[in-house]
N, C-alpha and C. Protein backbone atom coordinates (compact mmCIF):
# COMPACT_ATOMS: atom_id res chain seq x y z
N MET A 1 -26.84 9.70 -80.05
CA MET A 1 -26.50 8.89 -79.81
C MET A 1 -27.16 8.85 -78.13
N THR A 2 -27.34 7.33 -77.42
CA THR A 2 -28.49 7.59 -76.34
C THR A 2 -27.42 7.13 -75.15
N ILE A 3 -27.45 7.66 -73.74
CA ILE A 3 -27.16 7.87 -72.90
C ILE A 3 -27.66 6.68 -72.09
N ASP A 4 -27.41 5.44 -71.39
CA ASP A 4 -27.95 4.64 -70.13
C ASP A 4 -26.88 5.22 -68.86
N CYS A 5 -27.95 5.68 -68.60
CA CYS A 5 -27.42 6.19 -66.51
C CYS A 5 -28.10 5.15 -65.77
N THR A 6 -27.29 5.51 -64.52
CA THR A 6 -27.08 4.45 -63.89
C THR A 6 -27.08 5.32 -61.94
N CYS A 7 -28.12 4.88 -61.44
CA CYS A 7 -28.05 5.57 -60.28
C CYS A 7 -27.36 5.07 -58.99
N ILE A 8 -26.52 5.32 -58.39
CA ILE A 8 -25.83 4.95 -57.02
C ILE A 8 -27.14 3.98 -56.35
N VAL A 9 -27.78 4.08 -56.22
CA VAL A 9 -29.00 3.52 -55.75
C VAL A 9 -30.05 2.53 -56.83
N GLU A 10 -30.40 1.73 -56.98
CA GLU A 10 -31.51 1.14 -57.60
C GLU A 10 -32.67 1.89 -57.94
N VAL A 11 -33.23 2.31 -56.46
CA VAL A 11 -34.21 3.50 -56.85
C VAL A 11 -33.97 4.47 -55.57
N LEU A 12 -34.24 5.93 -55.90
CA LEU A 12 -33.88 6.85 -55.14
C LEU A 12 -35.08 7.28 -54.72
N GLU A 13 -35.05 6.74 -52.90
CA GLU A 13 -36.02 7.29 -52.33
C GLU A 13 -36.08 8.49 -52.01
N ILE A 14 -36.72 9.44 -51.45
CA ILE A 14 -37.01 10.52 -50.97
C ILE A 14 -38.73 10.48 -50.29
N ILE A 15 -38.06 11.06 -48.79
CA ILE A 15 -39.26 11.54 -48.02
C ILE A 15 -39.38 12.88 -48.29
N GLN A 16 -40.70 13.45 -48.16
CA GLN A 16 -40.74 14.91 -48.32
C GLN A 16 -40.13 15.64 -47.11
N GLY A 17 -39.79 16.87 -47.29
CA GLY A 17 -39.01 17.80 -46.41
C GLY A 17 -37.78 17.27 -46.14
N GLN A 18 -37.41 16.30 -46.49
CA GLN A 18 -35.55 15.97 -46.61
C GLN A 18 -34.64 16.84 -47.87
N THR A 19 -33.76 16.83 -47.40
CA THR A 19 -32.39 17.60 -47.93
C THR A 19 -32.11 15.91 -48.47
N ARG A 20 -31.64 15.94 -49.47
CA ARG A 20 -30.97 14.78 -50.97
C ARG A 20 -30.14 15.27 -51.52
N LYS A 21 -29.34 14.53 -52.07
CA LYS A 21 -27.92 14.92 -52.60
C LYS A 21 -27.59 13.41 -53.39
N PRO A 22 -28.48 13.13 -54.15
CA PRO A 22 -28.70 11.71 -55.33
C PRO A 22 -27.16 11.42 -56.19
N ILE A 23 -26.44 11.23 -55.89
CA ILE A 23 -25.49 10.70 -57.24
C ILE A 23 -25.95 10.09 -58.48
N ILE A 24 -25.62 10.32 -59.47
CA ILE A 24 -26.47 9.56 -60.25
C ILE A 24 -24.77 9.26 -61.67
N GLN A 25 -24.58 8.33 -62.12
CA GLN A 25 -23.44 8.10 -63.14
C GLN A 25 -23.88 7.96 -64.10
N LEU A 26 -23.60 8.85 -65.96
CA LEU A 26 -24.43 8.21 -66.98
C LEU A 26 -23.68 7.71 -67.74
N PHE A 27 -23.78 6.61 -68.80
CA PHE A 27 -22.99 5.98 -69.57
C PHE A 27 -23.45 6.29 -71.39
N PHE A 28 -22.80 5.70 -71.74
CA PHE A 28 -23.22 5.45 -73.69
C PHE A 28 -23.35 4.72 -73.27
N GLU A 29 -24.86 3.47 -73.60
CA GLU A 29 -25.63 2.38 -73.95
C GLU A 29 -25.00 1.61 -74.95
N LYS A 30 -24.39 2.18 -75.97
CA LYS A 30 -23.84 1.30 -76.83
C LYS A 30 -21.84 0.43 -76.30
N THR A 31 -21.73 2.39 -75.89
CA THR A 31 -19.74 1.67 -75.05
C THR A 31 -19.96 1.23 -73.79
N LYS A 32 -20.90 1.62 -73.01
CA LYS A 32 -20.47 1.63 -72.29
C LYS A 32 -19.62 2.72 -71.40
N GLU A 33 -19.42 3.34 -72.11
CA GLU A 33 -17.88 4.93 -71.59
C GLU A 33 -18.89 5.32 -70.84
N PRO A 34 -18.34 6.14 -69.83
CA PRO A 34 -18.94 7.46 -69.12
C PRO A 34 -19.31 8.47 -69.86
N PHE A 35 -20.11 9.47 -69.72
CA PHE A 35 -20.46 10.34 -70.39
C PHE A 35 -19.53 11.42 -69.69
N ASP A 36 -18.92 11.76 -71.08
CA ASP A 36 -17.66 13.33 -70.92
C ASP A 36 -18.08 14.47 -70.50
N PHE A 37 -18.10 15.14 -69.09
CA PHE A 37 -18.43 16.21 -68.72
C PHE A 37 -17.29 17.55 -69.11
N THR A 38 -16.41 16.88 -69.56
CA THR A 38 -14.58 17.77 -70.36
C THR A 38 -15.27 19.32 -71.13
N GLY A 39 -14.77 19.78 -70.43
CA GLY A 39 -14.87 21.49 -71.30
C GLY A 39 -16.74 21.82 -70.74
N MET A 40 -17.20 21.52 -70.24
CA MET A 40 -18.51 22.59 -70.18
C MET A 40 -18.55 23.66 -69.20
N ASP A 41 -17.80 23.86 -68.56
CA ASP A 41 -17.62 24.45 -67.62
C ASP A 41 -17.08 25.58 -68.49
N ASN A 42 -16.72 25.74 -69.23
CA ASN A 42 -16.55 27.34 -70.49
C ASN A 42 -17.86 28.32 -69.99
N ALA A 43 -17.80 29.27 -69.49
CA ALA A 43 -18.42 29.80 -69.34
C ALA A 43 -19.43 31.20 -71.13
N GLY A 44 -20.52 30.75 -70.85
CA GLY A 44 -21.54 31.34 -72.02
C GLY A 44 -21.56 30.43 -72.92
N ASN A 45 -20.55 29.38 -72.73
CA ASN A 45 -20.70 28.14 -74.10
C ASN A 45 -22.91 27.31 -74.36
N GLY A 46 -23.05 27.60 -73.63
CA GLY A 46 -24.24 27.06 -73.77
C GLY A 46 -24.73 26.23 -73.25
N ASP A 47 -23.63 25.16 -72.62
CA ASP A 47 -23.95 24.08 -72.30
C ASP A 47 -24.92 23.82 -70.63
N GLU A 48 -25.67 22.95 -70.59
CA GLU A 48 -26.76 22.76 -69.24
C GLU A 48 -26.40 21.54 -68.85
N ILE A 49 -27.38 21.23 -67.48
CA ILE A 49 -27.47 20.02 -67.25
C ILE A 49 -28.85 20.32 -66.70
N LYS A 50 -29.97 19.62 -66.78
CA LYS A 50 -31.20 19.65 -66.10
C LYS A 50 -31.85 18.79 -65.54
N ALA A 51 -32.23 18.87 -63.88
CA ALA A 51 -32.75 17.41 -63.72
C ALA A 51 -34.39 17.72 -63.43
N LEU A 52 -35.17 16.96 -64.21
CA LEU A 52 -36.85 17.52 -64.01
C LEU A 52 -37.47 16.02 -62.95
N PHE A 53 -38.17 16.97 -62.20
CA PHE A 53 -39.24 16.29 -61.67
C PHE A 53 -40.73 16.16 -60.79
N VAL A 54 -41.65 15.35 -61.22
CA VAL A 54 -42.51 15.84 -60.80
C VAL A 54 -43.15 16.70 -59.54
N LYS A 55 -43.74 17.56 -59.59
CA LYS A 55 -44.11 18.36 -58.13
C LYS A 55 -46.23 17.76 -58.11
N THR A 56 -46.57 18.09 -56.82
CA THR A 56 -47.33 17.44 -56.58
C THR A 56 -48.60 18.51 -57.13
N ASP A 57 -48.78 19.42 -57.90
CA ASP A 57 -49.68 20.15 -58.79
C ASP A 57 -49.35 19.83 -60.47
N GLY A 58 -48.81 19.13 -60.65
CA GLY A 58 -47.99 18.54 -62.04
C GLY A 58 -47.08 19.24 -62.83
N THR A 59 -46.76 20.20 -62.35
CA THR A 59 -45.96 21.13 -62.86
C THR A 59 -44.47 20.49 -62.50
N LEU A 60 -43.67 20.68 -63.07
CA LEU A 60 -42.04 20.23 -63.22
C LEU A 60 -41.12 20.73 -62.41
N LEU A 61 -40.49 20.58 -61.25
CA LEU A 61 -39.40 21.13 -60.39
C LEU A 61 -37.75 20.78 -61.79
N GLU A 62 -37.48 21.58 -61.70
CA GLU A 62 -36.23 21.96 -62.60
C GLU A 62 -34.99 22.09 -61.57
N LYS A 63 -33.63 21.66 -61.64
CA LYS A 63 -32.66 21.62 -61.26
C LYS A 63 -31.69 22.10 -62.26
N LEU A 64 -30.92 23.25 -62.44
CA LEU A 64 -30.37 23.52 -63.27
C LEU A 64 -29.06 23.45 -63.20
N TRP A 65 -28.16 23.25 -63.60
CA TRP A 65 -26.22 23.29 -63.68
C TRP A 65 -26.09 24.31 -65.14
N THR A 66 -25.88 25.01 -64.68
CA THR A 66 -25.46 26.06 -66.02
C THR A 66 -24.18 26.91 -65.97
N ASP A 67 -23.21 27.02 -66.84
CA ASP A 67 -22.08 27.92 -66.61
C ASP A 67 -20.78 27.48 -65.91
N GLY A 68 -21.18 26.35 -64.87
CA GLY A 68 -20.41 26.12 -63.83
C GLY A 68 -20.76 26.24 -62.41
N ALA A 69 -22.26 26.46 -62.45
CA ALA A 69 -22.60 26.69 -61.32
C ALA A 69 -24.12 26.40 -61.30
N GLY A 70 -24.49 25.99 -60.19
CA GLY A 70 -26.60 25.57 -59.68
C GLY A 70 -26.82 24.36 -59.04
N ASP A 71 -27.50 23.84 -59.23
CA ASP A 71 -28.28 22.95 -58.06
C ASP A 71 -27.82 21.43 -58.56
N ILE A 72 -26.73 21.48 -59.74
CA ILE A 72 -26.02 19.81 -59.91
C ILE A 72 -24.81 20.35 -60.14
N ALA A 73 -23.96 19.56 -59.56
CA ALA A 73 -22.14 19.51 -59.14
C ALA A 73 -22.05 18.19 -60.30
N ILE A 74 -21.09 18.42 -61.49
CA ILE A 74 -20.44 17.51 -61.52
C ILE A 74 -19.09 17.04 -60.74
N LEU A 75 -19.35 15.39 -60.42
CA LEU A 75 -18.50 15.50 -59.35
C LEU A 75 -16.90 14.72 -59.80
N SER A 76 -17.36 14.17 -61.54
CA SER A 76 -16.69 13.44 -61.91
C SER A 76 -16.55 13.59 -63.61
N GLU A 77 -15.94 14.86 -63.90
CA GLU A 77 -15.55 15.08 -65.46
C GLU A 77 -15.78 14.14 -66.71
N ALA A 78 -14.75 13.11 -66.48
CA ALA A 78 -14.57 12.40 -66.86
C ALA A 78 -15.24 10.68 -66.75
N GLY A 79 -15.19 10.97 -65.55
CA GLY A 79 -16.70 9.47 -64.93
C GLY A 79 -17.90 9.55 -65.27
N GLY A 80 -18.55 10.74 -65.79
CA GLY A 80 -20.04 10.72 -65.97
C GLY A 80 -20.82 10.77 -65.08
N LYS A 81 -20.09 11.51 -63.39
CA LYS A 81 -20.91 11.52 -62.41
C LYS A 81 -21.30 12.91 -61.80
N ILE A 82 -22.46 12.92 -61.71
CA ILE A 82 -23.02 14.30 -61.10
C ILE A 82 -23.78 13.59 -59.74
N GLN A 83 -24.14 14.82 -58.95
CA GLN A 83 -24.62 15.30 -57.88
C GLN A 83 -26.28 16.33 -57.91
N ILE A 84 -26.82 15.79 -57.68
CA ILE A 84 -28.39 16.82 -57.39
C ILE A 84 -28.48 17.36 -56.36
N GLN A 85 -28.42 18.95 -56.07
CA GLN A 85 -28.89 19.18 -54.51
C GLN A 85 -30.74 19.23 -54.40
N LEU A 86 -31.27 18.78 -53.87
CA LEU A 86 -32.57 18.92 -53.49
C LEU A 86 -32.66 19.55 -52.45
N SER A 87 -33.59 20.32 -51.91
CA SER A 87 -33.50 21.30 -50.62
C SER A 87 -35.06 20.65 -49.95
N VAL A 88 -35.01 21.18 -48.66
CA VAL A 88 -35.99 20.95 -48.23
C VAL A 88 -37.46 21.43 -48.21
N ALA A 89 -37.46 22.35 -49.16
CA ALA A 89 -38.41 23.23 -50.26
C ALA A 89 -38.75 22.66 -51.29
N ASP A 90 -37.75 22.16 -51.92
CA ASP A 90 -37.71 21.01 -53.17
C ASP A 90 -38.51 20.10 -53.14
N THR A 91 -37.90 18.89 -52.09
CA THR A 91 -38.47 17.59 -51.67
C THR A 91 -39.89 17.63 -51.27
N ASP A 92 -40.36 18.99 -50.45
CA ASP A 92 -42.05 19.45 -49.97
C ASP A 92 -42.34 19.25 -51.28
N LEU A 93 -42.14 19.64 -52.64
CA LEU A 93 -42.81 19.98 -53.54
C LEU A 93 -43.04 18.72 -54.19
N LEU A 94 -42.53 17.55 -54.20
CA LEU A 94 -42.13 16.25 -55.13
C LEU A 94 -43.65 15.68 -54.95
N LYS A 95 -44.31 15.18 -56.00
CA LYS A 95 -45.48 14.39 -56.12
C LYS A 95 -45.16 12.71 -55.09
N THR A 96 -45.99 12.51 -54.34
CA THR A 96 -45.89 11.15 -53.74
C THR A 96 -46.15 10.07 -54.60
N GLY A 97 -45.32 9.13 -54.39
CA GLY A 97 -45.51 7.79 -55.08
C GLY A 97 -44.57 6.81 -55.14
N GLU A 98 -44.98 5.94 -55.44
CA GLU A 98 -43.61 4.67 -55.74
C GLU A 98 -43.30 4.75 -57.47
N LYS A 99 -42.15 3.98 -57.68
CA LYS A 99 -41.75 3.97 -58.95
C LYS A 99 -42.43 4.85 -59.87
N GLN A 100 -42.34 6.69 -59.67
CA GLN A 100 -42.28 7.56 -60.37
C GLN A 100 -40.88 7.44 -61.60
N ASP A 101 -41.37 8.43 -62.42
CA ASP A 101 -39.78 8.86 -63.74
C ASP A 101 -39.42 10.00 -62.98
N PHE A 102 -38.33 9.84 -63.30
CA PHE A 102 -37.33 11.39 -63.67
C PHE A 102 -36.21 11.29 -64.90
N GLU A 103 -36.03 12.60 -65.55
CA GLU A 103 -35.22 13.09 -66.40
C GLU A 103 -33.76 14.10 -65.96
N ILE A 104 -32.91 13.57 -66.49
CA ILE A 104 -32.21 14.24 -66.89
C ILE A 104 -31.51 14.93 -68.11
N GLU A 105 -31.43 15.85 -68.17
CA GLU A 105 -31.23 16.33 -69.82
C GLU A 105 -29.82 17.00 -69.50
N ILE A 106 -29.19 17.11 -70.82
CA ILE A 106 -27.83 17.51 -70.92
C ILE A 106 -27.44 18.00 -72.55
N ILE A 107 -26.92 19.31 -72.62
CA ILE A 107 -26.69 19.95 -74.08
C ILE A 107 -25.47 20.40 -73.24
N LYS A 108 -24.83 19.58 -74.55
CA LYS A 108 -23.42 19.62 -74.60
C LYS A 108 -22.74 20.37 -76.00
N ASP A 109 -22.23 20.85 -76.39
CA ASP A 109 -21.59 21.42 -77.63
C ASP A 109 -23.15 21.37 -78.82
N THR A 110 -24.08 21.77 -78.34
CA THR A 110 -25.22 22.22 -79.13
C THR A 110 -25.59 20.57 -79.11
N GLU A 111 -25.68 19.69 -78.88
CA GLU A 111 -26.25 18.21 -78.85
C GLU A 111 -26.83 18.06 -77.73
N THR A 112 -28.26 17.79 -77.53
CA THR A 112 -28.85 17.37 -76.42
C THR A 112 -29.07 15.91 -76.28
N PHE A 113 -28.61 15.84 -75.21
CA PHE A 113 -28.97 14.21 -74.59
C PHE A 113 -30.15 13.95 -73.38
N ILE A 114 -31.17 13.32 -73.46
CA ILE A 114 -32.35 13.24 -72.45
C ILE A 114 -31.98 11.84 -72.10
N GLU A 115 -31.94 11.47 -70.93
CA GLU A 115 -32.19 9.99 -70.30
C GLU A 115 -33.64 10.09 -68.91
N LYS A 116 -34.35 9.11 -69.34
CA LYS A 116 -35.56 9.06 -68.70
C LYS A 116 -35.27 7.64 -67.71
N PHE A 117 -35.21 8.41 -66.61
CA PHE A 117 -34.86 6.72 -65.37
C PHE A 117 -36.24 6.75 -64.91
N GLU A 118 -36.88 5.82 -65.69
CA GLU A 118 -38.27 5.04 -64.96
C GLU A 118 -38.42 4.23 -64.63
N GLN A 119 -39.75 4.16 -63.36
CA GLN A 119 -39.77 3.76 -62.26
C GLN A 119 -39.05 3.64 -61.34
N LYS A 120 -37.62 4.94 -61.19
CA LYS A 120 -36.67 4.76 -60.56
C LYS A 120 -36.72 5.49 -59.46
N LEU A 121 -37.49 6.32 -59.31
CA LEU A 121 -38.08 7.41 -57.57
C LEU A 121 -39.54 6.99 -57.03
N THR A 122 -38.88 6.89 -56.13
CA THR A 122 -40.28 6.67 -54.36
C THR A 122 -40.27 8.11 -53.81
N VAL A 123 -41.73 8.86 -54.10
CA VAL A 123 -41.05 9.79 -53.12
C VAL A 123 -42.41 9.93 -51.93
N VAL A 124 -42.60 10.18 -50.63
CA VAL A 124 -43.52 9.34 -49.40
C VAL A 124 -43.32 10.28 -48.73
N GLU A 125 -44.89 10.46 -47.85
CA GLU A 125 -44.96 11.55 -47.19
C GLU A 125 -43.99 11.48 -45.85
N ARG A 126 -44.06 12.57 -44.81
CA ARG A 126 -43.53 12.20 -43.39
C ARG A 126 -44.28 11.23 -42.75
N VAL A 127 -43.65 11.18 -41.67
CA VAL A 127 -44.94 10.47 -40.76
C VAL A 127 -45.38 11.56 -40.14
N GLY A 128 -44.43 12.62 -39.30
CA GLY A 128 -45.48 14.13 -38.54
C GLY A 128 -45.75 14.42 -39.40
N GLN A 129 -46.17 14.36 -40.68
CA GLN A 129 -47.07 15.79 -40.98
C GLN A 129 -48.82 15.61 -41.43
């Protein structure tokens, strides 16, 4: 089943060198029901959440949640809300540009869900650099 995701903001804007904690809410496209993260915090069950961003060198910055811990927090299990923790070091590595893509990948109960946020990310350089 396809997930239709929404960001709290229309386009996620990041300035390199800043800390960001964007909140993302995920829904199923057909039913409009929120993605349910309930039960994903059982250690060792193989469930995980990844957020993938393109870095300046073309490789991927991967933020990971697994076994209830990591750089992604589940804010609402039944409501489908997550928060991605991006540090100063993380945002410094991001490729600059407007209308870039990023992805959220969820593995739950051996099913893999991938949502591509097309043209939903803008990264700009700091003025003082």
